[in-house]
């Protein structure tokens, strides 16, 4: 059974946490660009898949917004200056 390559914008949480996402995505972008140049008939006119880092991710944005808008500040909000 062959190993499938990772989708272009998919990284492990550990890779993102360690700051390796930018380097890995740049490498993928370069590989995809080379593949397109080598076999342009396979790609046709479609562009290379987006390999930009996605930036910060919030797990519960609704909960975070409720905490920020809450009139009563919790000790967590005070300590973290939210």
Protein backbone atom coordinates (compact mmCIF):
# COMPACT_ATOMS: atom_id res chain seq x y z
CA UNK A 1 0.00 0.00 0.00
CA UNK A 2 1.46 3.34 -1.08
CA UNK A 3 1.82 6.22 1.36
CA UNK A 4 -0.32 9.20 0.40
CA UNK A 5 1.30 12.64 0.47
CA UNK A 6 -0.12 15.14 2.94
CA UNK A 7 -2.64 17.63 1.54
CA UNK A 8 -0.97 20.97 0.78
CA UNK A 9 -2.16 22.98 3.77
CA UNK A 10 -2.26 20.12 6.29
CA UNK A 11 0.35 19.94 9.01
CA UNK A 12 0.48 18.25 12.36
CA UNK A 13 -0.23 20.38 15.41
CA UNK A 14 3.33 19.71 16.55
CA UNK A 15 4.76 21.11 13.30
CA UNK A 16 2.66 24.25 13.69
CA UNK A 17 3.56 24.62 17.37
CA UNK A 18 7.29 24.28 16.65
CA UNK A 19 7.11 26.94 13.93
CA UNK A 20 7.99 24.55 11.11
CA UNK A 21 4.79 25.27 9.18
CA UNK A 22 6.19 28.16 7.13
CA UNK A 23 9.25 26.20 5.99
CA UNK A 24 7.31 23.01 5.20
CA UNK A 25 4.62 24.85 3.27
CA UNK A 26 7.25 26.78 1.28
CA UNK A 27 8.92 23.46 0.39
CA UNK A 28 5.57 22.02 -0.73
CA UNK A 29 4.89 25.11 -2.83
CA UNK A 30 8.27 24.71 -4.57
CA UNK A 31 7.69 21.00 -5.22
CA UNK A 32 4.23 21.65 -6.67
CA UNK A 33 5.58 24.45 -8.90
CA UNK A 34 8.31 22.11 -10.21
CA UNK A 35 5.77 19.37 -10.85
CA UNK A 36 3.61 21.80 -12.80
CA UNK A 37 6.59 22.87 -14.93
CA UNK A 38 7.63 19.27 -15.62
CA UNK A 39 4.16 18.10 -16.62
CA UNK A 40 2.12 21.17 -17.55
CA UNK A 41 -0.36 19.17 -19.65
CA UNK A 42 -1.50 17.36 -16.51
CA UNK A 43 -2.10 20.63 -14.68
CA UNK A 44 -3.78 22.48 -17.52
CA UNK A 45 -4.61 26.07 -16.56
CA UNK A 46 -5.39 25.46 -12.90
CA UNK A 47 -3.07 27.09 -10.39
CA UNK A 48 -0.96 25.36 -7.78
CA UNK A 49 -2.85 24.65 -4.55
CA UNK A 50 -2.64 27.30 -1.83
CA UNK A 51 0.30 26.55 0.48
CA UNK A 52 0.07 29.65 2.68
CA UNK A 53 0.25 29.22 6.47
CA UNK A 54 -3.18 29.67 8.05
CA UNK A 55 -2.00 31.61 11.09
CA UNK A 56 -3.43 31.46 14.62
CA UNK A 57 -6.33 29.12 15.29
CA UNK A 58 -8.94 29.53 18.02
CA UNK A 59 -10.64 26.39 19.25
CA UNK A 60 -13.78 28.05 20.66
CA UNK A 61 -14.11 31.53 19.14
CA UNK A 62 -17.70 31.94 20.37
CA UNK A 63 -16.72 31.25 23.97
CA UNK A 64 -13.74 33.59 23.72
CA UNK A 65 -15.93 36.41 22.40
CA UNK A 66 -18.45 35.88 25.22
CA UNK A 67 -15.63 36.13 27.76
CA UNK A 68 -14.32 39.35 26.22
CA UNK A 69 -17.78 40.94 26.20
CA UNK A 70 -18.72 39.84 29.71
CA UNK A 71 -19.32 42.84 32.03
CA UNK A 72 -17.94 40.91 35.04
CA UNK A 73 -14.23 40.21 34.70
CA UNK A 74 -12.97 36.82 35.84
CA UNK A 75 -9.58 36.38 37.48
CA UNK A 76 -8.41 34.76 34.22
CA UNK A 77 -9.42 37.84 32.21
CA UNK A 78 -7.75 40.19 34.69
CA UNK A 79 -4.53 38.13 34.78
CA UNK A 80 -4.37 37.93 30.97
CA UNK A 81 -5.56 41.53 30.38
CA UNK A 82 -8.43 40.45 28.14
